[in-house]
Amino acid sequence: MTTLLMVLVLLAGAYLVAVLEGWVSTGRLRPAGPILSAVALLGRESLLPRKPDRIFFEVAPPLLLVSAVLAFAVLPLSPGLIAADLATGALFVNAALAFVMVALLMAGWGPDGAYAMVGGFRFLGQLVAYSMLIVMPITAVAMRAESLVTTAVVESQAALPNAVYQPFGLAAFLVAAMAVCFLPPFDLPTAPGELAGGVMAEYTGWRLAVMRLARAALVFTVAASVTVFYLGGWLGPVLPPWAWNAIKTLLVAAAMLLAGRFVPRLREEHLLAWCWKIGIPLALFNIFYVGVLLLVVG
């Protein structure tokens, strides 16, 4: 029952992310927009490229969706409302998100098209840039909670959320969160106007619908992880715990969608340089800073 409820919450979250993305892109709030787009895509023929690698081409969209579902399964929505309360839940989020790279590389290689392949290998380079910025901030979060259990991470923020306790970790994790969702300015794998959709260019019909659903679910999952790791999850006064979690997650998702609209797309080499020369030293400093705070303040 809990698992089914979590799946429904993820689908509802993906729908709301799609509504927010439409509002950010067009300036108009169209609640029925995602549903109409899905119906239109499902009604169209799903074409195959001329010489695809059929396994890679077919598996990539559902694999991207599975990655988002697996990561969401270990994130608590309220006390007792979690699909899998693993002892290594925080690290499991990182492990599940690693399959995003596999899915996009398969989506790039499968169609045997130039734009898609360039998009897939661009994301591989993007992964090299952001991957450490996911693991290292999670390490500092686990240090404070003295546990990798995600519910314990939330409870450790009862006095002060990690967004205030370790702001450098939040900054690094947010950059990585936007990169793993390939949101602007980290949309190198799709690059509208440059790669004509990149890894999504060769998908049509129901396959494109699954791909877009997976991406929206991924954005919601990553926003939920920011809420759990840095914003105190369900903690908050007056409102029910699930309501606080939902409000925080949607605000984070809206911020992620909005932020990139005001920043030009980064080139691959610039992203690598920024992440390795600035991001990783910042994340290392955050671990040291949190360690000192734990020793001095407790």
Foldseek 3Di string as FASTA:
>chain_A
DLLVVLVVVLLVQLLLLVQLLVCLVPVDRDSCVLVVVQVVLQPDDKDAAPDFPVVLQVVLLVLLLQLLSQLSQQFALAVPRHNDQDQQNLVSNLVSLVSLLVSQCSLLRGRVDDLQNQLSVLLVLLCLQQSVLSVLLLVLLCVQLVTNGLVSSLVSCQPHFQCVVQVLSLVSLLVSLLLSLCAALNVSQQPPPPSVGHSLNSTTGNSSSSNSSSSSSSLLSSLLVSCSRGVSNQDDPDDGSSVVSVVSSSVSSSCSNNVRVVDHHDDSVVSNCCRVVPVVVSSVVSSVSSVVCVVPVD
